N, C-alpha and C. Protein backbone atom coordinates (compact mmCIF):
# COMPACT_ATOMS: atom_id res chain seq x y z
N MET A 1 0.73 -1.14 0.56
CA MET A 1 -0.37 0.22 0.10
C MET A 1 0.69 0.74 0.29
N ASP A 2 0.57 2.33 -0.80
CA ASP A 2 1.56 3.55 -1.09
C ASP A 2 0.28 3.88 -0.05
N ALA A 3 1.60 5.11 0.82
CA ALA A 3 0.63 5.95 2.13
C ALA A 3 1.54 7.23 2.51
N LYS A 4 1.45 8.07 2.63
CA LYS A 4 2.31 9.30 2.50
C LYS A 4 2.00 9.90 4.27
N LEU A 5 3.32 9.95 5.27
CA LEU A 5 2.51 10.21 6.65
C LEU A 5 3.30 11.51 7.11
N VAL A 6 2.88 13.08 7.23
CA VAL A 6 2.89 14.17 7.27
C VAL A 6 2.87 14.12 8.43
N ILE A 7 3.87 15.03 9.01
CA ILE A 7 4.00 15.76 10.60
C ILE A 7 4.44 16.39 11.05
N VAL A 8 3.68 16.87 11.50
CA VAL A 8 4.37 18.84 11.47
C VAL A 8 4.10 18.79 13.36
N GLY A 9 5.80 19.36 13.13
CA GLY A 9 6.44 19.38 13.76
C GLY A 9 7.61 18.04 14.58
N GLY A 10 8.51 18.17 15.13
CA GLY A 10 9.68 16.96 15.60
C GLY A 10 9.68 17.12 14.71
N ARG A 11 11.04 16.00 15.21
CA ARG A 11 11.78 15.09 13.66
C ARG A 11 11.45 13.44 13.63
N PRO A 12 10.96 13.26 12.90
CA PRO A 12 10.56 11.77 13.52
C PRO A 12 12.11 11.44 12.79
N ALA A 13 12.97 10.27 12.64
CA ALA A 13 13.68 8.85 13.04
C ALA A 13 12.42 7.76 10.86
N LYS A 14 13.68 7.93 9.85
CA LYS A 14 13.73 7.24 8.54
C LYS A 14 12.56 5.23 9.90
N ALA A 15 11.47 5.42 8.98
CA ALA A 15 11.18 3.79 9.01
C ALA A 15 9.66 3.65 7.88
N ASP A 16 10.44 2.30 7.79
CA ASP A 16 9.62 1.47 6.65
C ASP A 16 8.12 1.67 6.55
N LEU A 17 7.05 1.84 6.57
CA LEU A 17 5.53 2.06 6.52
C LEU A 17 4.83 1.49 6.11
N SER A 18 5.57 0.17 4.91
CA SER A 18 4.22 -0.78 4.05
C SER A 18 4.52 -1.98 6.27
N GLU A 19 5.50 -1.85 6.93
CA GLU A 19 5.28 -2.58 7.68
C GLU A 19 3.95 -2.62 8.22
N ALA A 20 3.14 -3.21 8.30
CA ALA A 20 1.93 -2.46 9.34
C ALA A 20 1.44 -3.92 10.15
N PRO A 21 0.92 -3.23 11.87
CA PRO A 21 1.15 -2.02 11.96
C PRO A 21 2.28 -1.30 12.42
N THR A 22 1.98 0.32 12.40
CA THR A 22 3.69 1.08 12.70
C THR A 22 3.28 1.45 13.60
N ILE A 23 4.05 0.96 15.54
CA ILE A 23 3.82 1.91 16.63
C ILE A 23 4.09 3.42 16.20
N ILE A 24 3.78 4.30 16.26
CA ILE A 24 3.99 6.04 16.49
C ILE A 24 4.61 7.06 17.81
N GLY A 25 5.52 7.53 18.21
CA GLY A 25 5.93 7.37 19.26
C GLY A 25 7.44 8.60 19.37
N ARG A 26 7.20 8.69 21.16
CA ARG A 26 8.38 9.14 21.18
C ARG A 26 9.15 7.92 21.73
N SER A 27 8.90 6.69 22.56
CA SER A 27 9.84 6.00 22.65
C SER A 27 10.44 5.02 21.34
N ARG A 28 11.90 4.80 22.24
CA ARG A 28 12.66 4.01 21.42
C ARG A 28 12.74 3.15 20.74
N GLN A 29 10.62 2.28 21.51
CA GLN A 29 11.29 1.13 21.26
C GLN A 29 9.30 1.15 19.93
N SER A 30 9.23 2.14 19.56
CA SER A 30 8.68 2.52 18.41
C SER A 30 8.73 1.97 17.06
N ASP A 31 7.90 2.12 16.85
CA ASP A 31 8.82 2.05 15.37
C ASP A 31 8.74 3.23 14.46
N LEU A 32 8.16 3.80 14.96
CA LEU A 32 8.39 5.52 14.00
C LEU A 32 8.47 6.96 15.14
N THR A 33 10.15 7.49 15.50
CA THR A 33 10.19 7.22 16.54
C THR A 33 10.47 9.15 16.56
N VAL A 34 8.33 9.85 17.33
CA VAL A 34 8.99 11.57 17.36
C VAL A 34 8.97 12.26 18.24
N ALA A 35 10.47 12.50 18.01
CA ALA A 35 10.58 13.54 19.05
C ALA A 35 10.52 15.25 18.95
N HIS A 36 9.29 14.89 19.70
CA HIS A 36 7.84 16.55 20.18
C HIS A 36 7.59 16.17 21.99
N PRO A 37 7.76 17.03 22.76
CA PRO A 37 7.02 17.12 23.98
C PRO A 37 5.02 16.71 23.71
N MET A 38 4.31 17.18 22.72
CA MET A 38 3.03 16.63 22.37
C MET A 38 2.77 15.31 21.70
N ILE A 39 4.09 14.50 21.60
CA ILE A 39 3.09 13.02 21.52
C ILE A 39 4.26 12.11 23.04
N SER A 40 2.80 11.25 22.41
CA SER A 40 3.56 10.48 23.80
C SER A 40 4.16 9.15 23.41
N ARG A 41 4.44 8.42 24.69
CA ARG A 41 5.75 7.12 23.58
C ARG A 41 5.24 7.07 23.02
N GLN A 42 4.06 5.76 23.22
CA GLN A 42 3.16 5.26 21.97
C GLN A 42 2.05 5.79 22.04
N HIS A 43 1.59 6.27 21.00
CA HIS A 43 0.72 7.87 20.70
C HIS A 43 -0.73 7.03 19.78
N CYS A 44 0.05 6.38 18.79
CA CYS A 44 -1.20 6.41 17.91
C CYS A 44 -0.86 4.81 16.90
N LYS A 45 -1.10 4.23 16.26
CA LYS A 45 -1.37 2.88 15.35
C LYS A 45 -1.30 3.02 14.24
N LEU A 46 -0.69 3.22 13.24
CA LEU A 46 -1.69 2.99 11.83
C LEU A 46 -1.43 1.48 11.14
N PHE A 47 -2.26 1.08 10.62
CA PHE A 47 -2.49 0.22 10.02
C PHE A 47 -3.20 -0.31 9.18
N GLU A 48 -3.42 -1.79 8.64
CA GLU A 48 -4.01 -1.55 7.28
C GLU A 48 -6.01 -2.95 6.83
N VAL A 49 -6.78 -2.56 6.99
CA VAL A 49 -8.06 -3.17 7.76
C VAL A 49 -8.46 -2.74 5.18
N ASP A 50 -8.99 -4.37 4.59
CA ASP A 50 -9.39 -4.81 3.55
C ASP A 50 -9.17 -4.09 2.85
N GLY A 51 -7.76 -3.63 2.65
CA GLY A 51 -7.35 -2.79 1.61
C GLY A 51 -6.98 -0.77 1.71
N LEU A 52 -7.39 -0.45 3.71
CA LEU A 52 -7.55 1.61 3.40
C LEU A 52 -6.62 0.87 4.60
N LEU A 53 -5.69 2.13 4.58
CA LEU A 53 -5.12 3.02 5.82
C LEU A 53 -5.66 3.61 6.66
N LYS A 54 -5.82 2.49 8.02
CA LYS A 54 -6.03 3.17 9.90
C LYS A 54 -5.05 3.32 10.55
N ILE A 55 -5.62 4.63 11.30
CA ILE A 55 -5.22 5.13 12.28
C ILE A 55 -6.14 5.37 13.95
N GLN A 56 -5.47 4.68 14.67
CA GLN A 56 -5.58 4.40 16.06
C GLN A 56 -4.98 5.41 17.22
N ASP A 57 -5.64 5.75 18.25
CA ASP A 57 -4.73 7.03 19.27
C ASP A 57 -4.65 5.84 19.87
N LEU A 58 -3.51 5.14 20.74
CA LEU A 58 -2.84 4.54 21.54
C LEU A 58 -4.00 5.29 23.26
N GLY A 59 -4.32 5.45 23.52
CA GLY A 59 -4.43 6.27 24.47
C GLY A 59 -3.31 7.93 25.13
N SER A 60 -3.06 8.54 24.00
CA SER A 60 -2.27 9.78 24.21
C SER A 60 -2.83 10.77 24.91
N LEU A 61 -2.32 11.68 25.53
CA LEU A 61 -2.85 12.58 25.52
C LEU A 61 -3.18 13.78 25.09
N ASN A 62 -2.87 13.96 24.25
CA ASN A 62 -2.88 15.58 23.91
C ASN A 62 -3.86 14.89 21.80
N GLY A 63 -3.96 13.75 21.75
CA GLY A 63 -4.56 13.24 20.97
C GLY A 63 -4.38 12.74 19.64
N THR A 64 -4.81 12.51 18.62
CA THR A 64 -4.68 11.93 17.55
C THR A 64 -5.77 12.10 16.51
N PHE A 65 -5.35 13.40 15.14
CA PHE A 65 -6.63 13.50 14.63
C PHE A 65 -6.34 13.89 12.69
N VAL A 66 -7.39 12.84 12.66
CA VAL A 66 -7.42 13.03 11.26
C VAL A 66 -8.43 14.46 10.38
N GLY A 67 -7.18 14.37 10.09
CA GLY A 67 -7.39 16.47 9.68
C GLY A 67 -7.73 17.46 10.10
N ARG A 68 -8.53 17.82 10.55
CA ARG A 68 -9.23 19.06 12.41
C ARG A 68 -9.27 18.63 13.26
N LYS A 69 -9.97 16.82 12.82
CA LYS A 69 -10.64 16.74 13.89
C LYS A 69 -10.45 14.69 14.53
N ARG A 70 -10.39 15.12 16.22
CA ARG A 70 -10.12 14.47 17.11
C ARG A 70 -10.23 12.99 16.44
N SER A 71 -9.67 12.14 16.30
CA SER A 71 -10.21 10.99 16.06
C SER A 71 -9.96 9.84 17.52
N PRO A 72 -10.95 9.32 18.25
CA PRO A 72 -10.21 8.71 19.28
C PRO A 72 -10.64 7.41 19.13
N LYS A 73 -11.23 7.34 18.96
CA LYS A 73 -11.31 5.34 17.28
C LYS A 73 -10.64 5.18 16.24
N PRO A 74 -10.12 3.65 15.60
CA PRO A 74 -9.69 4.01 14.83
C PRO A 74 -9.97 4.67 13.70
N THR A 75 -10.43 4.51 12.93
CA THR A 75 -10.22 5.50 11.17
C THR A 75 -10.14 6.02 10.28
N SER A 76 -10.80 5.34 9.14
CA SER A 76 -9.60 5.34 8.05
C SER A 76 -9.34 6.62 7.55
N CYS A 77 -7.76 6.66 6.85
CA CYS A 77 -7.27 7.00 5.87
C CYS A 77 -7.11 7.55 4.39
N ARG A 78 -8.46 8.04 3.82
CA ARG A 78 -9.37 8.23 2.49
C ARG A 78 -8.63 9.90 2.33
N LYS A 79 -8.21 9.43 0.67
CA LYS A 79 -7.30 9.69 -0.36
C LYS A 79 -7.76 10.83 0.60
N ARG A 80 -6.72 12.81 -0.38
CA ARG A 80 -7.01 13.74 0.36
C ARG A 80 -7.14 14.20 1.99
N SER A 81 -7.33 12.92 2.77
CA SER A 81 -7.13 12.98 4.07
C SER A 81 -6.12 13.27 4.71
N SER A 82 -5.63 14.67 5.72
CA SER A 82 -4.12 14.46 6.56
C SER A 82 -4.04 13.95 7.86
N PRO A 83 -3.48 12.48 8.07
CA PRO A 83 -3.66 12.64 9.33
C PRO A 83 -2.65 13.36 10.01
N LEU A 84 -2.37 14.08 11.67
CA LEU A 84 -1.95 14.54 11.93
C LEU A 84 -2.29 13.84 13.59
N ALA A 85 -0.15 13.64 14.01
CA ALA A 85 -0.30 13.43 15.17
C ALA A 85 0.17 14.36 16.53
N ARG A 86 -0.55 14.22 16.94
CA ARG A 86 -0.16 15.85 17.78
C ARG A 86 -0.51 15.52 19.62
């Protein structure tokens, strides 16, 4: 699956997002580490279901957003939407 992740702020390490699921967070144990104070140690998870990319908040303090809407439940990331983890 081709997917593009845009992180606003912080300095992400390189990660292969083709291997799903992908855990995003500040922790070194995360698949994609983002050094930013608004990101939790294990902030969110990207995964695929029936060919759709989904994002799920993992109980982060600041929430996970798809576009500008907070997404507390697993949410599909459709074309033209921009998942923002903050």
